[in-house]
Amino acid sequence: MVFFLDSSALVKRYVVETGSAWARGVADATAGNRIYVTSITGVEIVSALARRGRGGSILASDAASAIAAFRADLTRDYDQIQVTSIVLARAMNLAETRYLRGYDAVQLAAAVEVNAQRLAAGLPALIFVSADAALNAAATAEGLSVDDPNAHP
């Protein structure tokens, strides 16, 4: 299967919370899935993990280990989509029409662009994965198939 994971879904691979087991299964290399992420996802994941470590919701040592694991996985396990002028223009439109936060609009714009390229090439559509209900609603409105890791406790 082909997935596009936003940061709220992907972070679940690196910390234990609702949906973590499912996210780990999707990302497991033996599952044979293709996973797209945007190039900004690295910043979002490292930030989320570091803030959790500093805030005490996870141990600082666990945050450091999770960041190291994520950095190792980033180039090996994920197809990174660059944030191009086309993606940014689409993101601005999505922010305006779907009332999304900035990075959420960029995530969705990248997913819509990759999905369109895949369909044009005769490849299967991707599944957009996010733990953000508003972002999932916007993705559905944009014609994407959606899954929420929180629906897989």
N, C-alpha and C. Protein backbone atom coordinates (compact mmCIF):
# COMPACT_ATOMS: atom_id res chain seq x y z
N MET A 1 0.84 -1.18 0.00
CA MET A 1 0.00 0.00 0.00
C MET A 1 0.89 1.24 0.00
N VAL A 2 0.28 2.36 -0.34
CA VAL A 2 0.99 3.63 -0.41
C VAL A 2 0.34 4.61 0.55
N PHE A 3 1.16 5.17 1.42
CA PHE A 3 0.67 6.08 2.45
C PHE A 3 1.41 7.41 2.38
N PHE A 4 0.72 8.46 2.77
CA PHE A 4 1.33 9.77 3.02
C PHE A 4 1.06 10.06 4.49
N LEU A 5 2.10 10.08 5.30
CA LEU A 5 1.93 10.32 6.73
C LEU A 5 2.29 11.75 7.08
N ASP A 6 1.37 12.45 7.73
CA ASP A 6 1.73 13.76 8.27
C ASP A 6 2.44 13.53 9.59
N SER A 7 2.93 14.59 10.19
CA SER A 7 3.74 14.48 11.41
C SER A 7 2.97 13.91 12.59
N SER A 8 1.69 14.25 12.70
CA SER A 8 0.90 13.74 13.83
C SER A 8 0.74 12.23 13.78
N ALA A 9 0.80 11.66 12.60
CA ALA A 9 0.73 10.21 12.45
C ALA A 9 2.11 9.58 12.59
N LEU A 10 3.09 10.18 11.97
CA LEU A 10 4.43 9.59 11.96
C LEU A 10 5.08 9.59 13.34
N VAL A 11 4.82 10.61 14.14
CA VAL A 11 5.43 10.67 15.47
C VAL A 11 5.04 9.45 16.31
N LYS A 12 3.90 8.86 15.99
CA LYS A 12 3.43 7.69 16.73
C LYS A 12 4.36 6.49 16.57
N ARG A 13 5.17 6.48 15.54
CA ARG A 13 6.16 5.41 15.37
C ARG A 13 7.26 5.51 16.44
N TYR A 14 7.43 6.69 17.00
CA TYR A 14 8.59 6.95 17.87
C TYR A 14 8.23 7.16 19.34
N VAL A 15 6.96 7.27 19.65
CA VAL A 15 6.51 7.38 21.04
C VAL A 15 5.31 6.45 21.22
N VAL A 16 5.04 6.10 22.44
CA VAL A 16 3.92 5.20 22.72
C VAL A 16 2.69 6.04 23.06
N GLU A 17 1.67 5.91 22.22
CA GLU A 17 0.39 6.57 22.42
C GLU A 17 -0.63 5.85 21.57
N THR A 18 -1.86 6.26 21.62
CA THR A 18 -2.90 5.63 20.82
C THR A 18 -2.49 5.64 19.34
N GLY A 19 -2.57 4.49 18.72
CA GLY A 19 -2.22 4.38 17.31
C GLY A 19 -0.77 4.03 17.03
N SER A 20 0.05 3.95 18.06
CA SER A 20 1.48 3.68 17.85
C SER A 20 1.74 2.32 17.22
N ALA A 21 1.07 1.29 17.71
CA ALA A 21 1.30 -0.05 17.16
C ALA A 21 0.92 -0.09 15.69
N TRP A 22 -0.19 0.55 15.34
CA TRP A 22 -0.62 0.59 13.94
C TRP A 22 0.39 1.35 13.08
N ALA A 23 0.85 2.51 13.57
CA ALA A 23 1.82 3.31 12.81
C ALA A 23 3.12 2.54 12.62
N ARG A 24 3.55 1.83 13.65
CA ARG A 24 4.77 1.02 13.52
C ARG A 24 4.58 -0.09 12.49
N GLY A 25 3.39 -0.69 12.47
CA GLY A 25 3.12 -1.73 11.50
C GLY A 25 3.13 -1.21 10.07
N VAL A 26 2.54 -0.05 9.86
CA VAL A 26 2.53 0.57 8.53
C VAL A 26 3.96 0.87 8.07
N ALA A 27 4.79 1.36 9.00
CA ALA A 27 6.15 1.76 8.64
C ALA A 27 7.15 0.61 8.64
N ASP A 28 6.76 -0.54 9.14
CA ASP A 28 7.67 -1.69 9.19
C ASP A 28 8.09 -2.07 7.77
N ALA A 29 9.38 -2.18 7.54
CA ALA A 29 9.91 -2.48 6.21
C ALA A 29 9.36 -3.80 5.66
N THR A 30 9.08 -4.76 6.53
CA THR A 30 8.57 -6.05 6.06
C THR A 30 7.14 -5.96 5.55
N ALA A 31 6.44 -4.86 5.88
CA ALA A 31 5.07 -4.68 5.38
C ALA A 31 5.05 -4.33 3.90
N GLY A 32 6.17 -3.82 3.39
CA GLY A 32 6.26 -3.50 1.97
C GLY A 32 5.52 -2.26 1.54
N ASN A 33 5.15 -1.40 2.48
CA ASN A 33 4.44 -0.17 2.15
C ASN A 33 5.40 0.90 1.67
N ARG A 34 4.90 1.78 0.83
CA ARG A 34 5.64 2.97 0.44
C ARG A 34 5.08 4.13 1.24
N ILE A 35 5.98 4.91 1.85
CA ILE A 35 5.55 6.00 2.72
C ILE A 35 6.15 7.31 2.24
N TYR A 36 5.26 8.26 1.95
CA TYR A 36 5.67 9.61 1.59
C TYR A 36 5.55 10.52 2.80
N VAL A 37 6.48 11.44 2.92
CA VAL A 37 6.43 12.52 3.91
C VAL A 37 6.96 13.78 3.22
N THR A 38 6.63 14.94 3.76
CA THR A 38 7.22 16.16 3.21
C THR A 38 8.58 16.40 3.83
N SER A 39 9.36 17.23 3.18
CA SER A 39 10.69 17.56 3.70
C SER A 39 10.61 18.33 5.02
N ILE A 40 9.50 18.98 5.31
CA ILE A 40 9.36 19.70 6.58
C ILE A 40 9.03 18.77 7.74
N THR A 41 8.68 17.54 7.43
CA THR A 41 8.30 16.59 8.47
C THR A 41 9.45 16.36 9.45
N GLY A 42 10.67 16.36 8.96
CA GLY A 42 11.82 16.18 9.85
C GLY A 42 11.86 17.22 10.95
N VAL A 43 11.62 18.46 10.59
CA VAL A 43 11.61 19.55 11.58
C VAL A 43 10.48 19.33 12.58
N GLU A 44 9.31 18.98 12.07
CA GLU A 44 8.16 18.80 12.95
C GLU A 44 8.35 17.63 13.93
N ILE A 45 8.89 16.52 13.46
CA ILE A 45 9.07 15.35 14.32
C ILE A 45 10.14 15.62 15.38
N VAL A 46 11.28 16.15 14.96
CA VAL A 46 12.35 16.45 15.94
C VAL A 46 11.83 17.44 16.97
N SER A 47 11.11 18.45 16.54
CA SER A 47 10.56 19.44 17.47
C SER A 47 9.59 18.78 18.46
N ALA A 48 8.69 17.95 17.96
CA ALA A 48 7.70 17.30 18.82
C ALA A 48 8.38 16.41 19.86
N LEU A 49 9.36 15.65 19.42
CA LEU A 49 10.06 14.74 20.34
C LEU A 49 10.88 15.51 21.37
N ALA A 50 11.59 16.53 20.91
CA ALA A 50 12.41 17.32 21.84
C ALA A 50 11.53 18.03 22.87
N ARG A 51 10.40 18.59 22.43
CA ARG A 51 9.49 19.26 23.36
C ARG A 51 8.90 18.29 24.37
N ARG A 52 8.58 17.08 23.94
CA ARG A 52 8.06 16.09 24.88
C ARG A 52 9.12 15.71 25.91
N GLY A 53 10.35 15.58 25.46
CA GLY A 53 11.44 15.26 26.38
C GLY A 53 11.68 16.38 27.37
N ARG A 54 11.63 17.59 26.90
CA ARG A 54 11.85 18.75 27.78
C ARG A 54 10.66 18.96 28.72
N GLY A 55 9.46 18.70 28.21
CA GLY A 55 8.25 18.91 29.01
C GLY A 55 7.97 17.79 29.99
N GLY A 56 8.66 16.68 29.86
CA GLY A 56 8.50 15.60 30.81
C GLY A 56 7.46 14.56 30.47
N SER A 57 6.80 14.67 29.31
CA SER A 57 5.81 13.64 28.97
C SER A 57 6.50 12.34 28.56
N ILE A 58 7.76 12.44 28.17
CA ILE A 58 8.62 11.27 27.99
C ILE A 58 9.98 11.62 28.60
N LEU A 59 10.74 10.61 28.94
CA LEU A 59 12.07 10.86 29.49
C LEU A 59 12.95 11.53 28.45
N ALA A 60 13.82 12.42 28.89
CA ALA A 60 14.73 13.11 27.98
C ALA A 60 15.58 12.11 27.21
N SER A 61 16.00 11.04 27.88
CA SER A 61 16.80 10.01 27.20
C SER A 61 15.99 9.28 26.14
N ASP A 62 14.70 9.07 26.41
CA ASP A 62 13.83 8.44 25.41
C ASP A 62 13.61 9.37 24.21
N ALA A 63 13.49 10.66 24.49
CA ALA A 63 13.34 11.64 23.40
C ALA A 63 14.59 11.63 22.53
N ALA A 64 15.76 11.62 23.15
CA ALA A 64 17.01 11.61 22.39
C ALA A 64 17.14 10.34 21.55
N SER A 65 16.75 9.20 22.12
CA SER A 65 16.79 7.94 21.37
C SER A 65 15.81 7.96 20.21
N ALA A 66 14.62 8.50 20.45
CA ALA A 66 13.60 8.57 19.40
C ALA A 66 14.06 9.50 18.27
N ILE A 67 14.67 10.61 18.62
CA ILE A 67 15.18 11.53 17.59
C ILE A 67 16.26 10.85 16.76
N ALA A 68 17.16 10.13 17.42
CA ALA A 68 18.22 9.42 16.69
C ALA A 68 17.62 8.37 15.76
N ALA A 69 16.63 7.63 16.25
CA ALA A 69 15.98 6.61 15.42
C ALA A 69 15.27 7.26 14.23
N PHE A 70 14.57 8.36 14.48
CA PHE A 70 13.88 9.05 13.40
C PHE A 70 14.87 9.53 12.33
N ARG A 71 15.95 10.15 12.77
CA ARG A 71 16.95 10.65 11.80
C ARG A 71 17.50 9.50 10.94
N ALA A 72 17.72 8.35 11.56
CA ALA A 72 18.21 7.20 10.80
C ALA A 72 17.16 6.70 9.81
N ASP A 73 15.90 6.73 10.22
CA ASP A 73 14.81 6.25 9.36
C ASP A 73 14.47 7.22 8.23
N LEU A 74 14.71 8.49 8.45
CA LEU A 74 14.23 9.53 7.53
C LEU A 74 14.67 9.29 6.09
N THR A 75 15.93 9.04 5.88
CA THR A 75 16.39 8.86 4.50
C THR A 75 16.21 7.43 3.99
N ARG A 76 16.07 6.49 4.91
CA ARG A 76 15.98 5.08 4.52
C ARG A 76 14.54 4.63 4.28
N ASP A 77 13.62 5.07 5.12
CA ASP A 77 12.27 4.51 5.13
C ASP A 77 11.20 5.35 4.44
N TYR A 78 11.50 6.61 4.17
CA TYR A 78 10.47 7.51 3.67
C TYR A 78 10.90 8.19 2.38
N ASP A 79 9.93 8.36 1.48
CA ASP A 79 10.14 9.17 0.27
C ASP A 79 9.79 10.60 0.64
N GLN A 80 10.80 11.47 0.64
CA GLN A 80 10.57 12.86 1.04
C GLN A 80 10.14 13.68 -0.17
N ILE A 81 9.05 14.41 0.01
CA ILE A 81 8.53 15.29 -1.02
C ILE A 81 9.02 16.71 -0.71
N GLN A 82 9.67 17.31 -1.68
CA GLN A 82 10.19 18.66 -1.50
C GLN A 82 9.05 19.68 -1.54
N VAL A 83 9.24 20.73 -0.79
CA VAL A 83 8.25 21.80 -0.75
C VAL A 83 8.62 22.79 -1.87
N THR A 84 7.97 22.61 -3.00
CA THR A 84 8.23 23.40 -4.19
C THR A 84 7.29 24.61 -4.25
N SER A 85 7.50 25.47 -5.22
CA SER A 85 6.61 26.62 -5.39
C SER A 85 5.19 26.16 -5.73
N ILE A 86 5.06 25.04 -6.43
CA ILE A 86 3.74 24.50 -6.76
C ILE A 86 3.04 24.05 -5.47
N VAL A 87 3.77 23.34 -4.61
CA VAL A 87 3.20 22.88 -3.34
C VAL A 87 2.82 24.07 -2.47
N LEU A 88 3.69 25.09 -2.42
CA LEU A 88 3.40 26.27 -1.60
C LEU A 88 2.17 27.02 -2.10
N ALA A 89 2.03 27.15 -3.41
CA ALA A 89 0.85 27.84 -3.95
C ALA A 89 -0.42 27.08 -3.61
N ARG A 90 -0.37 25.76 -3.73
CA ARG A 90 -1.53 24.94 -3.37
C ARG A 90 -1.80 25.05 -1.87
N ALA A 91 -0.73 25.07 -1.06
CA ALA A 91 -0.88 25.17 0.40
C ALA A 91 -1.55 26.49 0.78
N MET A 92 -1.17 27.58 0.13
CA MET A 92 -1.82 28.86 0.43
C MET A 92 -3.31 28.80 0.13
N ASN A 93 -3.67 28.18 -0.99
CA ASN A 93 -5.08 28.03 -1.33
C ASN A 93 -5.81 27.16 -0.31
N LEU A 94 -5.17 26.08 0.11
CA LEU A 94 -5.79 25.20 1.11
C LEU A 94 -5.93 25.90 2.46
N ALA A 95 -4.94 26.69 2.83
CA ALA A 95 -5.02 27.43 4.10
C ALA A 95 -6.20 28.39 4.07
N GLU A 96 -6.42 28.98 2.92
CA GLU A 96 -7.50 29.95 2.79
C GLU A 96 -8.87 29.27 2.69
N THR A 97 -8.97 28.22 1.88
CA THR A 97 -10.28 27.61 1.64
C THR A 97 -10.68 26.56 2.67
N ARG A 98 -9.68 25.91 3.28
CA ARG A 98 -9.98 24.85 4.25
C ARG A 98 -9.64 25.27 5.68
N TYR A 99 -9.15 26.51 5.83
CA TYR A 99 -8.86 27.09 7.16
C TYR A 99 -7.85 26.24 7.95
N LEU A 100 -6.80 25.81 7.26
CA LEU A 100 -5.78 24.97 7.89
C LEU A 100 -4.64 25.81 8.45
N ARG A 101 -3.96 25.25 9.46
CA ARG A 101 -2.72 25.85 9.95
C ARG A 101 -1.68 25.72 8.85
N GLY A 102 -0.66 26.55 8.93
CA GLY A 102 0.34 26.63 7.86
C GLY A 102 0.98 25.31 7.47
N TYR A 103 1.62 24.63 8.42
CA TYR A 103 2.28 23.37 8.08
C TYR A 103 1.28 22.29 7.70
N ASP A 104 0.09 22.32 8.26
CA ASP A 104 -0.94 21.35 7.86
C ASP A 104 -1.30 21.56 6.40
N ALA A 105 -1.41 22.81 5.99
CA ALA A 105 -1.72 23.11 4.59
C ALA A 105 -0.61 22.62 3.67
N VAL A 106 0.64 22.76 4.10
CA VAL A 106 1.78 22.28 3.30
C VAL A 106 1.74 20.76 3.21
N GLN A 107 1.47 20.08 4.33
CA GLN A 107 1.39 18.62 4.32
C GLN A 107 0.32 18.16 3.33
N LEU A 108 -0.86 18.74 3.43
CA LEU A 108 -1.96 18.34 2.55
C LEU A 108 -1.67 18.68 1.10
N ALA A 109 -1.11 19.83 0.84
CA ALA A 109 -0.78 20.22 -0.53
C ALA A 109 0.20 19.23 -1.16
N ALA A 110 1.20 18.83 -0.40
CA ALA A 110 2.17 17.86 -0.91
C ALA A 110 1.48 16.52 -1.21
N ALA A 111 0.60 16.09 -0.32
CA ALA A 111 -0.11 14.83 -0.53
C ALA A 111 -0.99 14.89 -1.77
N VAL A 112 -1.71 15.99 -1.94
CA VAL A 112 -2.57 16.14 -3.11
C VAL A 112 -1.73 16.11 -4.39
N GLU A 113 -0.58 16.78 -4.37
CA GLU A 113 0.30 16.81 -5.53
C GLU A 113 0.85 15.42 -5.86
N VAL A 114 1.34 14.71 -4.86
CA VAL A 114 1.87 13.35 -5.09
C VAL A 114 0.77 12.43 -5.58
N ASN A 115 -0.40 12.53 -4.98
CA ASN A 115 -1.51 11.68 -5.41
C ASN A 115 -1.86 11.95 -6.87
N ALA A 116 -1.91 13.21 -7.26
CA ALA A 116 -2.23 13.55 -8.65
C ALA A 116 -1.17 12.98 -9.60
N GLN A 117 0.09 13.06 -9.22
CA GLN A 117 1.17 12.51 -10.05
C GLN A 117 1.04 10.99 -10.17
N ARG A 118 0.71 10.35 -9.07
CA ARG A 118 0.56 8.90 -9.08
C ARG A 118 -0.60 8.49 -10.00
N LEU A 119 -1.73 9.16 -9.87
CA LEU A 119 -2.89 8.82 -10.69
C LEU A 119 -2.60 9.07 -12.17
N ALA A 120 -1.92 10.18 -12.47
CA ALA A 120 -1.58 10.49 -13.86
C ALA A 120 -0.66 9.43 -14.47
N ALA A 121 0.16 8.80 -13.62
CA ALA A 121 1.07 7.76 -14.08
C ALA A 121 0.42 6.37 -14.08
N GLY A 122 -0.87 6.31 -13.74
CA GLY A 122 -1.58 5.04 -13.71
C GLY A 122 -1.27 4.20 -12.47
N LEU A 123 -0.77 4.84 -11.43
CA LEU A 123 -0.44 4.15 -10.18
C LEU A 123 -1.60 4.28 -9.19
N PRO A 124 -1.66 3.40 -8.20
CA PRO A 124 -2.74 3.49 -7.21
C PRO A 124 -2.67 4.79 -6.39
N ALA A 125 -3.83 5.23 -5.96
CA ALA A 125 -3.92 6.42 -5.10
C ALA A 125 -3.27 6.13 -3.76
N LEU A 126 -2.83 7.18 -3.11
CA LEU A 126 -2.26 7.03 -1.77
C LEU A 126 -3.34 7.19 -0.72
N ILE A 127 -3.00 6.81 0.50
CA ILE A 127 -3.87 7.01 1.65
C ILE A 127 -3.22 8.06 2.53
N PHE A 128 -3.93 9.13 2.79
CA PHE A 128 -3.44 10.21 3.64
C PHE A 128 -3.70 9.82 5.09
N VAL A 129 -2.65 9.89 5.93
CA VAL A 129 -2.78 9.47 7.32
C VAL A 129 -2.41 10.62 8.24
N SER A 130 -3.35 10.98 9.10
CA SER A 130 -3.15 12.05 10.07
C SER A 130 -3.97 11.76 11.31
N ALA A 131 -3.49 12.24 12.44
CA ALA A 131 -4.24 12.13 13.69
C ALA A 131 -5.00 13.41 13.98
N ASP A 132 -5.12 14.29 12.99
CA ASP A 132 -5.77 15.59 13.13
C ASP A 132 -7.10 15.53 12.38
N ALA A 133 -8.20 15.61 13.12
CA ALA A 133 -9.53 15.48 12.52
C ALA A 133 -9.81 16.56 11.48
N ALA A 134 -9.43 17.80 11.74
CA ALA A 134 -9.68 18.88 10.79
C ALA A 134 -8.88 18.67 9.50
N LEU A 135 -7.64 18.23 9.65
CA LEU A 135 -6.81 17.96 8.47
C LEU A 135 -7.37 16.78 7.69
N ASN A 136 -7.83 15.75 8.37
CA ASN A 136 -8.43 14.61 7.68
C ASN A 136 -9.70 15.02 6.94
N ALA A 137 -10.49 15.90 7.53
CA ALA A 137 -11.70 16.38 6.85
C ALA A 137 -11.33 17.15 5.58
N ALA A 138 -10.30 17.97 5.67
CA ALA A 138 -9.85 18.73 4.50
C ALA A 138 -9.31 17.78 3.43
N ALA A 139 -8.57 16.75 3.85
CA ALA A 139 -8.03 15.78 2.89
C ALA A 139 -9.15 15.03 2.18
N THR A 140 -10.17 14.67 2.93
CA THR A 140 -11.33 14.00 2.33
C THR A 140 -12.01 14.93 1.32
N ALA A 141 -12.16 16.19 1.70
CA ALA A 141 -12.78 17.17 0.80
C ALA A 141 -11.95 17.37 -0.47
N GLU A 142 -10.65 17.13 -0.37
CA GLU A 142 -9.76 17.25 -1.54
C GLU A 142 -9.70 15.96 -2.35
N GLY A 143 -10.49 14.97 -1.95
CA GLY A 143 -10.59 13.74 -2.73
C GLY A 143 -9.64 12.63 -2.34
N LEU A 144 -8.94 12.79 -1.22
CA LEU A 144 -8.01 11.75 -0.80
C LEU A 144 -8.70 10.71 0.08
N SER A 145 -8.22 9.48 0.01
CA SER A 145 -8.60 8.46 1.00
C SER A 145 -7.84 8.80 2.27
N VAL A 146 -8.47 8.61 3.41
CA VAL A 146 -7.90 9.06 4.68
C VAL A 146 -7.97 7.93 5.70
N ASP A 147 -6.95 7.90 6.56
CA ASP A 147 -6.98 7.02 7.72
C ASP A 147 -6.43 7.79 8.90
N ASP A 148 -6.91 7.46 10.08
CA ASP A 148 -6.49 8.10 11.32
C ASP A 148 -5.89 7.04 12.23
N PRO A 149 -4.61 7.17 12.60
CA PRO A 149 -4.01 6.15 13.46
C PRO A 149 -4.71 6.03 14.81
N ASN A 150 -5.39 7.09 15.25
CA ASN A 150 -6.13 7.02 16.52
C ASN A 150 -7.33 6.08 16.43
N ALA A 151 -7.72 5.72 15.23
CA ALA A 151 -8.83 4.77 15.04
C ALA A 151 -8.34 3.33 15.16
N HIS A 152 -7.04 3.16 15.40
CA HIS A 152 -6.43 1.83 15.52
C HIS A 152 -5.71 1.71 16.87
N PRO A 153 -6.48 1.67 17.97
CA PRO A 153 -5.83 1.65 19.31
C PRO A 153 -4.99 0.40 19.57
